[in-house]
Amino acid sequence: MYKAEGQLAYADQQQQVALSTASASFSQNLYQQVALDKPNVIYSPYSIHSALTMTSLGAKGDTASEMKSTLGITSLGDSVHLTYKELIQQVMASPNFTKYPIMQIPQCN
């Protein structure tokens, strides 16, 4: 990773923007499918996108191509995993990051 005065270099920023855009688009498409029958759903699109992106690392041939296309990461190539790592590190280093839940859903009996 190239750094310029504590900030990510332009190429890394472009990769992160592309990854964030891909994740957001995937999230919107996933919600449209999940909420067809039940509009009141709770899920983590980030978790699903990141897990499938990791899974795509082991995929080959048509499966790899289809996964990357569905996830919107085709243009990122093999650097997508490094970009995800850098993005996560940047978020965790943010002064706004907390390890504690911001919102809790109470258990209903």
PDB file of N, CA and C in Angstrom:
ATOM      1  N   MET A   1       0.858  -1.165   0.000  1.00  0.00           N
ATOM      2  CA  MET A   1       0.000   0.000   0.000  1.00  0.00           C
ATOM      3  C   MET A   1       0.904   1.228   0.000  1.00  0.00           C
ATOM      4  N   TYR A   2       0.609   2.162  -0.849  1.00  0.00           N
ATOM      5  CA  TYR A   2       1.366   3.404  -0.922  1.00  0.00           C
ATOM      6  C   TYR A   2       0.665   4.452  -0.075  1.00  0.00           C
ATOM      7  N   LYS A   3       1.430   5.167   0.735  1.00  0.00           N
ATOM      8  CA  LYS A   3       0.836   6.195   1.590  1.00  0.00           C
ATOM      9  C   LYS A   3       1.427   7.548   1.256  1.00  0.00           C
ATOM     10  N   ALA A   4       0.605   8.557   1.330  1.00  0.00           N
ATOM     11  CA  ALA A   4       1.046   9.936   1.116  1.00  0.00           C
ATOM     12  C   ALA A   4       0.558  10.756   2.291  1.00  0.00           C
ATOM     13  N   GLU A   5       1.449  11.132   3.161  1.00  0.00           N
ATOM     14  CA  GLU A   5       1.130  11.937   4.340  1.00  0.00           C
ATOM     15  C   GLU A   5      -0.006  11.336   5.167  1.00  0.00           C
ATOM     16  N   GLY A   6       0.081  10.044   5.443  1.00  0.00           N
ATOM     17  CA  GLY A   6      -0.916   9.389   6.278  1.00  0.00           C
ATOM     18  C   GLY A   6      -2.206   9.044   5.566  1.00  0.00           C
ATOM     19  N   GLN A   7      -2.307   9.389   4.318  1.00  0.00           N
ATOM     20  CA  GLN A   7      -3.514   9.085   3.556  1.00  0.00           C
ATOM     21  C   GLN A   7      -3.202   8.016   2.520  1.00  0.00           C
ATOM     22  N   LEU A   8      -4.216   7.313   2.088  1.00  0.00           N
ATOM     23  CA  LEU A   8      -4.026   6.333   1.034  1.00  0.00           C
ATOM     24  C   LEU A   8      -3.709   7.043  -0.268  1.00  0.00           C
ATOM     25  N   ALA A   9      -2.841   6.457  -1.050  1.00  0.00           N
ATOM     26  CA  ALA A   9      -2.516   7.026  -2.352  1.00  0.00           C
ATOM     27  C   ALA A   9      -3.749   6.981  -3.245  1.00  0.00           C
ATOM     28  N   TYR A  10      -3.737   7.777  -4.305  1.00  0.00           N
ATOM     29  CA  TYR A  10      -4.895   7.927  -5.185  1.00  0.00           C
ATOM     30  C   TYR A  10      -5.373   6.595  -5.755  1.00  0.00           C
ATOM     31  N   ALA A  11      -4.435   5.742  -6.177  1.00  0.00           N
ATOM     32  CA  ALA A  11      -4.832   4.452  -6.756  1.00  0.00           C
ATOM     33  C   ALA A  11      -5.587   3.618  -5.729  1.00  0.00           C
ATOM     34  N   ASP A  12      -5.114   3.630  -4.476  1.00  0.00           N
ATOM     35  CA  ASP A  12      -5.797   2.881  -3.433  1.00  0.00           C
ATOM     36  C   ASP A  12      -7.174   3.475  -3.147  1.00  0.00           C
ATOM     37  N   GLN A  13      -7.278   4.789  -3.174  1.00  0.00           N
ATOM     38  CA  GLN A  13      -8.575   5.436  -2.964  1.00  0.00           C
ATOM     39  C   GLN A  13      -9.542   5.052  -4.072  1.00  0.00           C
ATOM     40  N   GLN A  14      -9.066   5.001  -5.305  1.00  0.00           N
ATOM     41  CA  GLN A  14      -9.926   4.599  -6.421  1.00  0.00           C
ATOM     42  C   GLN A  14     -10.416   3.171  -6.228  1.00  0.00           C
ATOM     43  N   GLN A  15      -9.528   2.281  -5.791  1.00  0.00           N
ATOM     44  CA  GLN A  15      -9.905   0.893  -5.550  1.00  0.00           C
ATOM     45  C   GLN A  15     -10.951   0.811  -4.435  1.00  0.00           C
ATOM     46  N   GLN A  16     -10.756   1.597  -3.379  1.00  0.00           N
ATOM     47  CA  GLN A  16     -11.704   1.574  -2.268  1.00  0.00           C
ATOM     48  C   GLN A  16     -13.061   2.132  -2.677  1.00  0.00           C
ATOM     49  N   VAL A  17     -13.061   3.173  -3.477  1.00  0.00           N
ATOM     50  CA  VAL A  17     -14.328   3.723  -3.972  1.00  0.00           C
ATOM     51  C   VAL A  17     -15.023   2.686  -4.850  1.00  0.00           C
ATOM     52  N   ALA A  18     -14.268   2.016  -5.710  1.00  0.00           N
ATOM     53  CA  ALA A  18     -14.849   0.990  -6.577  1.00  0.00           C
ATOM     54  C   ALA A  18     -15.420  -0.157  -5.749  1.00  0.00           C
ATOM     55  N   LEU A  19     -14.705  -0.574  -4.709  1.00  0.00           N
ATOM     56  CA  LEU A  19     -15.185  -1.650  -3.843  1.00  0.00           C
ATOM     57  C   LEU A  19     -16.422  -1.214  -3.067  1.00  0.00           C
ATOM     58  N   SER A  20     -16.412  -0.016  -2.537  1.00  0.00           N
ATOM     59  CA  SER A  20     -17.569   0.502  -1.798  1.00  0.00           C
ATOM     60  C   SER A  20     -18.792   0.606  -2.702  1.00  0.00           C
ATOM     61  N   THR A  21     -18.583   1.056  -3.925  1.00  0.00           N
ATOM     62  CA  THR A  21     -19.678   1.165  -4.893  1.00  0.00           C
ATOM     63  C   THR A  21     -20.227  -0.216  -5.229  1.00  0.00           C
ATOM     64  N   ALA A  22     -19.331  -1.184  -5.433  1.00  0.00           N
ATOM     65  CA  ALA A  22     -19.756  -2.554  -5.738  1.00  0.00           C
ATOM     66  C   ALA A  22     -20.553  -3.140  -4.583  1.00  0.00           C
ATOM     67  N   SER A  23     -20.085  -2.921  -3.364  1.00  0.00           N
ATOM     68  CA  SER A  23     -20.773  -3.441  -2.187  1.00  0.00           C
ATOM     69  C   SER A  23     -22.151  -2.802  -2.020  1.00  0.00           C
ATOM     70  N   ALA A  24     -22.240  -1.499  -2.246  1.00  0.00           N
ATOM     71  CA  ALA A  24     -23.528  -0.795  -2.129  1.00  0.00           C
ATOM     72  C   ALA A  24     -24.512  -1.277  -3.187  1.00  0.00           C
ATOM     73  N   SER A  25     -24.044  -1.456  -4.402  1.00  0.00           N
ATOM     74  CA  SER A  25     -24.907  -1.934  -5.483  1.00  0.00           C
ATOM     75  C   SER A  25     -25.389  -3.354  -5.191  1.00  0.00           C
ATOM     76  N   PHE A  26     -24.473  -4.218  -4.746  1.00  0.00           N
ATOM     77  CA  PHE A  26     -24.835  -5.581  -4.370  1.00  0.00           C
ATOM     78  C   PHE A  26     -25.880  -5.562  -3.261  1.00  0.00           C
ATOM     79  N   SER A  27     -25.694  -4.692  -2.284  1.00  0.00           N
ATOM     80  CA  SER A  27     -26.619  -4.582  -1.152  1.00  0.00           C
ATOM     81  C   SER A  27     -28.020  -4.191  -1.605  1.00  0.00           C
ATOM     82  N   GLN A  28     -28.100  -3.227  -2.507  1.00  0.00           N
ATOM     83  CA  GLN A  28     -29.404  -2.793  -3.020  1.00  0.00           C
ATOM     84  C   GLN A  28     -30.079  -3.911  -3.801  1.00  0.00           C
ATOM     85  N   ASN A  29     -29.315  -4.591  -4.647  1.00  0.00           N
ATOM     86  CA  ASN A  29     -29.879  -5.693  -5.428  1.00  0.00           C
ATOM     87  C   ASN A  29     -30.327  -6.832  -4.524  1.00  0.00           C
ATOM     88  N   LEU A  30     -29.528  -7.135  -3.506  1.00  0.00           N
ATOM     89  CA  LEU A  30     -29.880  -8.201  -2.572  1.00  0.00           C
ATOM     90  C   LEU A  30     -31.157  -7.855  -1.817  1.00  0.00           C
ATOM     91  N   TYR A  31     -31.264  -6.624  -1.344  1.00  0.00           N
ATOM     92  CA  TYR A  31     -32.465  -6.213  -0.616  1.00  0.00           C
ATOM     93  C   TYR A  31     -33.708  -6.338  -1.493  1.00  0.00           C
ATOM     94  N   GLN A  32     -33.595  -5.936  -2.744  1.00  0.00           N
ATOM     95  CA  GLN A  32     -34.742  -6.024  -3.651  1.00  0.00           C
ATOM     96  C   GLN A  32     -35.215  -7.465  -3.797  1.00  0.00           C
ATOM     97  N   GLN A  33     -34.290  -8.414  -3.770  1.00  0.00           N
ATOM     98  CA  GLN A  33     -34.667  -9.822  -3.875  1.00  0.00           C
ATOM     99  C   GLN A  33     -35.187 -10.372  -2.547  1.00  0.00           C
ATOM    100  N   VAL A  34     -34.512 -10.040  -1.457  1.00  0.00           N
ATOM    101  CA  VAL A  34     -34.880 -10.558  -0.138  1.00  0.00           C
ATOM    102  C   VAL A  34     -36.230 -10.009   0.308  1.00  0.00           C
ATOM    103  N   ALA A  35     -36.502  -8.761   0.003  1.00  0.00           N
ATOM    104  CA  ALA A  35     -37.707  -8.093   0.501  1.00  0.00           C
ATOM    105  C   ALA A  35     -38.918  -8.266  -0.407  1.00  0.00           C
ATOM    106  N   LEU A  36     -38.823  -9.110  -1.428  1.00  0.00           N
ATOM    107  CA  LEU A  36     -39.965  -9.299  -2.326  1.00  0.00           C
ATOM    108  C   LEU A  36     -41.206  -9.764  -1.572  1.00  0.00           C
ATOM    109  N   ASP A  37     -41.047 -10.799  -0.764  1.00  0.00           N
ATOM    110  CA  ASP A  37     -42.187 -11.365  -0.037  1.00  0.00           C
ATOM    111  C   ASP A  37     -42.329 -10.814   1.375  1.00  0.00           C
ATOM    112  N   LYS A  38     -41.207 -10.446   1.971  1.00  0.00           N
ATOM    113  CA  LYS A  38     -41.220  -9.969   3.355  1.00  0.00           C
ATOM    114  C   LYS A  38     -40.418  -8.677   3.432  1.00  0.00           C
ATOM    115  N   PRO A  39     -41.079  -7.533   3.381  1.00  0.00           N
ATOM    116  CA  PRO A  39     -40.349  -6.263   3.366  1.00  0.00           C
ATOM    117  C   PRO A  39     -39.683  -5.904   4.692  1.00  0.00           C
ATOM    118  N   ASN A  40     -40.014  -6.608   5.766  1.00  0.00           N
ATOM    119  CA  ASN A  40     -39.451  -6.307   7.078  1.00  0.00           C
ATOM    120  C   ASN A  40     -38.363  -7.336   7.395  1.00  0.00           C
ATOM    121  N   VAL A  41     -37.154  -7.109   6.854  1.00  0.00           N
ATOM    122  CA  VAL A  41     -36.060  -8.059   7.024  1.00  0.00           C
ATOM    123  C   VAL A  41     -34.850  -7.375   7.658  1.00  0.00           C
ATOM    124  N   ILE A  42     -34.060  -8.178   8.351  1.00  0.00           N
ATOM    125  CA  ILE A  42     -32.808  -7.686   8.922  1.00  0.00           C
ATOM    126  C   ILE A  42     -31.702  -8.627   8.460  1.00  0.00           C
ATOM    127  N   TYR A  43     -30.664  -8.063   7.876  1.00  0.00           N
ATOM    128  CA  TYR A  43     -29.505  -8.836   7.457  1.00  0.00           C
ATOM    129  C   TYR A  43     -28.330  -7.878   7.310  1.00  0.00           C
ATOM    130  N   SER A  44     -27.158  -8.425   7.154  1.00  0.00           N
ATOM    131  CA  SER A  44     -25.962  -7.599   7.002  1.00  0.00           C
ATOM    132  C   SER A  44     -25.416  -7.753   5.586  1.00  0.00           C
ATOM    133  N   PRO A  45     -25.742  -6.823   4.700  1.00  0.00           N
ATOM    134  CA  PRO A  45     -25.240  -6.938   3.326  1.00  0.00           C
ATOM    135  C   PRO A  45     -23.717  -6.866   3.262  1.00  0.00           C
ATOM    136  N   TYR A  46     -23.098  -6.109   4.169  1.00  0.00           N
ATOM    137  CA  TYR A  46     -21.634  -6.038   4.206  1.00  0.00           C
ATOM    138  C   TYR A  46     -21.048  -7.418   4.497  1.00  0.00           C
ATOM    139  N   SER A  47     -21.614  -8.112   5.490  1.00  0.00           N
ATOM    140  CA  SER A  47     -21.110  -9.438   5.847  1.00  0.00           C
ATOM    141  C   SER A  47     -21.252 -10.413   4.690  1.00  0.00           C
ATOM    142  N   ILE A  48     -22.391 -10.366   4.026  1.00  0.00           N
ATOM    143  CA  ILE A  48     -22.627 -11.266   2.898  1.00  0.00           C
ATOM    144  C   ILE A  48     -21.666 -10.948   1.763  1.00  0.00           C
ATOM    145  N   HIS A  49     -21.523  -9.660   1.424  1.00  0.00           N
ATOM    146  CA  HIS A  49     -20.630  -9.271   0.332  1.00  0.00           C
ATOM    147  C   HIS A  49     -19.185  -9.635   0.655  1.00  0.00           C
ATOM    148  N   SER A  50     -18.733  -9.354   1.864  1.00  0.00           N
ATOM    149  CA  SER A  50     -17.336  -9.648   2.201  1.00  0.00           C
ATOM    150  C   SER A  50     -17.078 -11.154   2.246  1.00  0.00           C
ATOM    151  N   ALA A  51     -18.024 -11.932   2.768  1.00  0.00           N
ATOM    152  CA  ALA A  51     -17.849 -13.387   2.818  1.00  0.00           C
ATOM    153  C   ALA A  51     -17.813 -13.987   1.411  1.00  0.00           C
ATOM    154  N   LEU A  52     -18.711 -13.531   0.540  1.00  0.00           N
ATOM    155  CA  LEU A  52     -18.711 -14.045  -0.829  1.00  0.00           C
ATOM    156  C   LEU A  52     -17.480 -13.580  -1.602  1.00  0.00           C
ATOM    157  N   THR A  53     -16.988 -12.387  -1.290  1.00  0.00           N
ATOM    158  CA  THR A  53     -15.760 -11.913  -1.932  1.00  0.00           C
ATOM    159  C   THR A  53     -14.589 -12.796  -1.520  1.00  0.00           C
ATOM    160  N   MET A  54     -14.513 -13.162  -0.236  1.00  0.00           N
ATOM    161  CA  MET A  54     -13.457 -14.072   0.214  1.00  0.00           C
ATOM    162  C   MET A  54     -13.607 -15.435  -0.455  1.00  0.00           C
ATOM    163  N   THR A  55     -14.844 -15.908  -0.563  1.00  0.00           N
ATOM    164  CA  THR A  55     -15.104 -17.194  -1.189  1.00  0.00           C
ATOM    165  C   THR A  55     -14.682 -17.189  -2.653  1.00  0.00           C
ATOM    166  N   SER A  56     -14.847 -16.055  -3.312  1.00  0.00           N
ATOM    167  CA  SER A  56     -14.497 -15.970  -4.736  1.00  0.00           C
ATOM    168  C   SER A  56     -13.007 -16.200  -4.977  1.00  0.00           C
ATOM    169  N   LEU A  57     -12.199 -16.012  -3.946  1.00  0.00           N
ATOM    170  CA  LEU A  57     -10.759 -16.242  -4.072  1.00  0.00           C
ATOM    171  C   LEU A  57     -10.464 -17.701  -4.424  1.00  0.00           C
ATOM    172  N   GLY A  58     -11.282 -18.615  -3.927  1.00  0.00           N
ATOM    173  CA  GLY A  58     -11.075 -20.037  -4.201  1.00  0.00           C
ATOM    174  C   GLY A  58     -11.814 -20.547  -5.418  1.00  0.00           C
ATOM    175  N   ALA A  59     -12.623 -19.701  -6.025  1.00  0.00           N
ATOM    176  CA  ALA A  59     -13.399 -20.124  -7.194  1.00  0.00           C
ATOM    177  C   ALA A  59     -12.534 -20.113  -8.450  1.00  0.00           C
ATOM    178  N   LYS A  60     -12.896 -20.937  -9.404  1.00  0.00           N
ATOM    179  CA  LYS A  60     -12.164 -21.035 -10.670  1.00  0.00           C
ATOM    180  C   LYS A  60     -13.140 -20.959 -11.845  1.00  0.00           C
ATOM    181  N   GLY A  61     -12.628 -20.596 -12.983  1.00  0.00           N
ATOM    182  CA  GLY A  61     -13.375 -20.639 -14.237  1.00  0.00           C
ATOM    183  C   GLY A  61     -14.658 -19.832 -14.226  1.00  0.00           C
ATOM    184  N   ASP A  62     -15.727 -20.474 -14.739  1.00  0.00           N
ATOM    185  CA  ASP A  62     -17.024 -19.801 -14.849  1.00  0.00           C
ATOM    186  C   ASP A  62     -17.578 -19.391 -13.485  1.00  0.00           C
ATOM    187  N   THR A  63     -17.344 -20.221 -12.479  1.00  0.00           N
ATOM    188  CA  THR A  63     -17.842 -19.900 -11.135  1.00  0.00           C
ATOM    189  C   THR A  63     -17.214 -18.606 -10.632  1.00  0.00           C
ATOM    190  N   ALA A  64     -15.907 -18.478 -10.803  1.00  0.00           N
ATOM    191  CA  ALA A  64     -15.215 -17.253 -10.376  1.00  0.00           C
ATOM    192  C   ALA A  64     -15.745 -16.045 -11.138  1.00  0.00           C
ATOM    193  N   SER A  65     -15.928 -16.194 -12.433  1.00  0.00           N
ATOM    194  CA  SER A  65     -16.433 -15.085 -13.258  1.00  0.00           C
ATOM    195  C   SER A  65     -17.827 -14.664 -12.832  1.00  0.00           C
ATOM    196  N   GLU A  66     -18.704 -15.639 -12.592  1.00  0.00           N
ATOM    197  CA  GLU A  66     -20.079 -15.340 -12.179  1.00  0.00           C
ATOM    198  C   GLU A  66     -20.109 -14.676 -10.805  1.00  0.00           C
ATOM    199  N   MET A  67     -19.299 -15.182  -9.886  1.00  0.00           N
ATOM    200  CA  MET A  67     -19.270 -14.589  -8.542  1.00  0.00           C
ATOM    201  C   MET A  67     -18.789 -13.148  -8.599  1.00  0.00           C
ATOM    202  N   LYS A  68     -17.700 -12.912  -9.321  1.00  0.00           N
ATOM    203  CA  LYS A  68     -17.145 -11.561  -9.415  1.00  0.00           C
ATOM    204  C   LYS A  68     -18.119 -10.614 -10.102  1.00  0.00           C
ATOM    205  N   SER A  69     -18.828 -11.119 -11.099  1.00  0.00           N
ATOM    206  CA  SER A  69     -19.821 -10.289 -11.786  1.00  0.00           C
ATOM    207  C   SER A  69     -20.975  -9.940 -10.852  1.00  0.00           C
ATOM    208  N   THR A  70     -21.493 -10.935 -10.146  1.00  0.00           N
ATOM    209  CA  THR A  70     -22.600 -10.717  -9.213  1.00  0.00           C
ATOM    210  C   THR A  70     -22.206  -9.759  -8.097  1.00  0.00           C
ATOM    211  N   LEU A  71     -20.982  -9.880  -7.615  1.00  0.00           N
ATOM    212  CA  LEU A  71     -20.497  -9.028  -6.529  1.00  0.00           C
ATOM    213  C   LEU A  71     -20.052  -7.656  -7.015  1.00  0.00           C
ATOM    214  N   GLY A  72     -19.924  -7.502  -8.332  1.00  0.00           N
ATOM    215  CA  GLY A  72     -19.515  -6.219  -8.903  1.00  0.00           C
ATOM    216  C   GLY A  72     -18.039  -5.918  -8.735  1.00  0.00           C
ATOM    217  N   ILE A  73     -17.227  -6.962  -8.596  1.00  0.00           N
ATOM    218  CA  ILE A  73     -15.799  -6.762  -8.329  1.00  0.00           C
ATOM    219  C   ILE A  73     -14.906  -7.174  -9.495  1.00  0.00           C
ATOM    220  N   THR A  74     -15.483  -7.406 -10.652  1.00  0.00           N
ATOM    221  CA  THR A  74     -14.708  -7.855 -11.810  1.00  0.00           C
ATOM    222  C   THR A  74     -13.562  -6.905 -12.132  1.00  0.00           C
ATOM    223  N   SER A  75     -13.825  -5.611 -12.096  1.00  0.00           N
ATOM    224  CA  SER A  75     -12.803  -4.626 -12.470  1.00  0.00           C
ATOM    225  C   SER A  75     -11.680  -4.512 -11.443  1.00  0.00           C
ATOM    226  N   LEU A  76     -11.894  -5.029 -10.242  1.00  0.00           N
ATOM    227  CA  LEU A  76     -10.877  -4.922  -9.193  1.00  0.00           C
ATOM    228  C   LEU A  76      -9.804  -5.998  -9.291  1.00  0.00           C
ATOM    229  N   GLY A  77     -10.085  -7.046 -10.043  1.00  0.00           N
ATOM    230  CA  GLY A  77      -9.098  -8.109 -10.203  1.00  0.00           C
ATOM    231  C   GLY A  77      -8.746  -8.771  -8.882  1.00  0.00           C
ATOM    232  N   ASP A  78      -7.529  -9.284  -8.814  1.00  0.00           N
ATOM    233  CA  ASP A  78      -7.089  -9.988  -7.608  1.00  0.00           C
ATOM    234  C   ASP A  78      -6.790  -9.053  -6.444  1.00  0.00           C
ATOM    235  N   SER A  79      -6.726  -7.761  -6.704  1.00  0.00           N
ATOM    236  CA  SER A  79      -6.418  -6.805  -5.635  1.00  0.00           C
ATOM    237  C   SER A  79      -7.609  -6.550  -4.716  1.00  0.00           C
ATOM    238  N   VAL A  80      -8.773  -7.113  -5.040  1.00  0.00           N
ATOM    239  CA  VAL A  80      -9.975  -6.848  -4.245  1.00  0.00           C
ATOM    240  C   VAL A  80      -9.781  -7.262  -2.782  1.00  0.00           C
ATOM    241  N   HIS A  81      -9.060  -8.329  -2.548  1.00  0.00           N
ATOM    242  CA  HIS A  81      -8.881  -8.809  -1.175  1.00  0.00           C
ATOM    243  C   HIS A  81      -7.983  -7.867  -0.374  1.00  0.00           C
ATOM    244  N   LEU A  82      -6.945  -7.375  -1.007  1.00  0.00           N
ATOM    245  CA  LEU A  82      -6.076  -6.390  -0.358  1.00  0.00           C
ATOM    246  C   LEU A  82      -6.838  -5.086  -0.126  1.00  0.00           C
ATOM    247  N   THR A  83      -7.671  -4.708  -1.088  1.00  0.00           N
ATOM    248  CA  THR A  83      -8.467  -3.485  -0.954  1.00  0.00           C
ATOM    249  C   THR A  83      -9.448  -3.614   0.208  1.00  0.00           C
ATOM    250  N   TYR A  84     -10.100  -4.777   0.341  1.00  0.00           N
ATOM    251  CA  TYR A  84     -11.009  -5.009   1.473  1.00  0.00           C
ATOM    252  C   TYR A  84     -10.244  -4.882   2.791  1.00  0.00           C
ATOM    253  N   LYS A  85      -9.068  -5.486   2.845  1.00  0.00           N
ATOM    254  CA  LYS A  85      -8.254  -5.429   4.062  1.00  0.00           C
ATOM    255  C   LYS A  85      -7.927  -3.979   4.418  1.00  0.00           C
ATOM    256  N   GLU A  86      -7.491  -3.204   3.428  1.00  0.00           N
ATOM    257  CA  GLU A  86      -7.133  -1.808   3.669  1.00  0.00           C
ATOM    258  C   GLU A  86      -8.349  -0.988   4.103  1.00  0.00           C
ATOM    259  N   LEU A  87      -9.496  -1.264   3.495  1.00  0.00           N
ATOM    260  CA  LEU A  87     -10.720  -0.546   3.845  1.00  0.00           C
ATOM    261  C   LEU A  87     -11.127  -0.846   5.288  1.00  0.00           C
ATOM    262  N   ILE A  88     -11.052  -2.107   5.671  1.00  0.00           N
ATOM    263  CA  ILE A  88     -11.388  -2.501   7.043  1.00  0.00           C
ATOM    264  C   ILE A  88     -10.429  -1.848   8.040  1.00  0.00           C
ATOM    265  N   GLN A  89      -9.137  -1.862   7.718  1.00  0.00           N
ATOM    266  CA  GLN A  89      -8.155  -1.237   8.607  1.00  0.00           C
ATOM    267  C   GLN A  89      -8.406   0.259   8.744  1.00  0.00           C
ATOM    268  N   GLN A  90      -8.777   0.898   7.652  1.00  0.00           N
ATOM    269  CA  GLN A  90      -9.046   2.335   7.688  1.00  0.00           C
ATOM    270  C   GLN A  90     -10.276   2.635   8.546  1.00  0.00           C
ATOM    271  N   VAL A  91     -11.315   1.819   8.415  1.00  0.00           N
ATOM    272  CA  VAL A  91     -12.528   2.017   9.219  1.00  0.00           C
ATOM    273  C   VAL A  91     -12.216   1.804  10.703  1.00  0.00           C
ATOM    274  N   MET A  92     -11.471   0.753  11.009  1.00  0.00           N
ATOM    275  CA  MET A  92     -11.159   0.458  12.409  1.00  0.00           C
ATOM    276  C   MET A  92     -10.233   1.499  13.033  1.00  0.00           C
ATOM    277  N   ALA A  93      -9.453   2.180  12.225  1.00  0.00           N
ATOM    278  CA  ALA A  93      -8.552   3.221  12.729  1.00  0.00           C
ATOM    279  C   ALA A  93      -9.261   4.560  12.905  1.00  0.00           C
ATOM    280  N   SER A  94     -10.474   4.655  12.403  1.00  0.00           N
ATOM    281  CA  SER A  94     -11.235   5.898  12.489  1.00  0.00           C
ATOM    282  C   SER A  94     -11.585   6.209  13.944  1.00  0.00           C
ATOM    283  N   PRO A  95     -11.540   7.477  14.325  1.00  0.00           N
ATOM    284  CA  PRO A  95     -11.927   7.839  15.695  1.00  0.00           C
ATOM    285  C   PRO A  95     -13.412   7.583  15.965  1.00  0.00           C
ATOM    286  N   ASN A  96     -14.202   7.405  14.920  1.00  0.00           N
ATOM    287  CA  ASN A  96     -15.635   7.137  15.083  1.00  0.00           C
ATOM    288  C   ASN A  96     -15.936   5.650  15.242  1.00  0.00           C
ATOM    289  N   PHE A  97     -14.924   4.792  15.081  1.00  0.00           N
ATOM    290  CA  PHE A  97     -15.127   3.349  15.184  1.00  0.00           C
ATOM    291  C   PHE A  97     -15.251   2.951  16.643  1.00  0.00           C
ATOM    292  N   THR A  98     -16.208   2.095  16.930  1.00  0.00           N
ATOM    293  CA  THR A  98     -16.373   1.574  18.282  1.00  0.00           C
ATOM    294  C   THR A  98     -16.487   0.062  18.219  1.00  0.00           C
ATOM    295  N   LYS A  99     -15.932  -0.607  19.202  1.00  0.00           N
ATOM    296  CA  LYS A  99     -16.028  -2.058  19.268  1.00  0.00           C
ATOM    297  C   LYS A  99     -17.311  -2.488  19.977  1.00  0.00           C
ATOM    298  N   TYR A 100     -18.049  -1.520  20.446  1.00  0.00           N
ATOM    299  CA  TYR A 100     -19.273  -1.814  21.172  1.00  0.00           C
ATOM    300  C   TYR A 100     -20.470  -1.562  20.274  1.00  0.00           C
ATOM    301  N   PRO A 101     -21.531  -2.334  20.446  1.00  0.00           N
ATOM    302  CA  PRO A 101     -22.708  -2.111  19.598  1.00  0.00           C
ATOM    303  C   PRO A 101     -23.312  -0.732  19.839  1.00  0.00           C
ATOM    304  N   ILE A 102     -23.623  -0.076  18.771  1.00  0.00           N
ATOM    305  CA  ILE A 102     -24.253   1.241  18.862  1.00  0.00           C
ATOM    306  C   ILE A 102     -25.747   1.072  19.108  1.00  0.00           C
ATOM    307  N   MET A 103     -26.316   0.045  18.508  1.00  0.00           N
ATOM    308  CA  MET A 103     -27.739  -0.207  18.657  1.00  0.00           C
ATOM    309  C   MET A 103     -27.917  -1.637  19.139  1.00  0.00           C
ATOM    310  N   GLN A 104     -28.782  -1.833  20.084  1.00  0.00           N
ATOM    311  CA  GLN A 104     -29.077  -3.170  20.558  1.00  0.00           C
ATOM    312  C   GLN A 104     -30.553  -3.441  20.348  1.00  0.00           C
ATOM    313  N   ILE A 105     -30.841  -4.636  19.885  1.00  0.00           N
ATOM    314  CA  ILE A 105     -32.228  -5.047  19.703  1.00  0.00           C
ATOM    315  C   ILE A 105     -32.603  -5.877  20.925  1.00  0.00           C
ATOM    316  N   PRO A 106     -33.548  -5.404  21.719  1.00  0.00           N
ATOM    317  CA  PRO A 106     -33.901  -6.140  22.937  1.00  0.00           C
ATOM    318  C   PRO A 106     -34.534  -7.488  22.605  1.00  0.00           C
ATOM    319  N   GLN A 107     -34.281  -8.432  23.479  1.00  0.00           N
ATOM    320  CA  GLN A 107     -34.868  -9.746  23.304  1.00  0.00           C
ATOM    321  C   GLN A 107     -36.312  -9.697  23.775  1.00  0.00           C
ATOM    322  N   CYS A 108     -37.200 -10.150  22.941  1.00  0.00           N
ATOM    323  CA  CYS A 108     -38.629 -10.149  23.288  1.00  0.00           C
ATOM    324  C   CYS A 108     -39.064 -11.574  23.600  1.00  0.00           C
ATOM    325  N   ASN A 109     -39.712 -11.744  24.729  1.00  0.00           N
ATOM    326  CA  ASN A 109     -40.206 -13.070  25.119  1.00  0.00           C
ATOM    327  C   ASN A 109     -41.699 -13.125  25.011  1.00  0.00           C
TER     328      ASN A 109
END
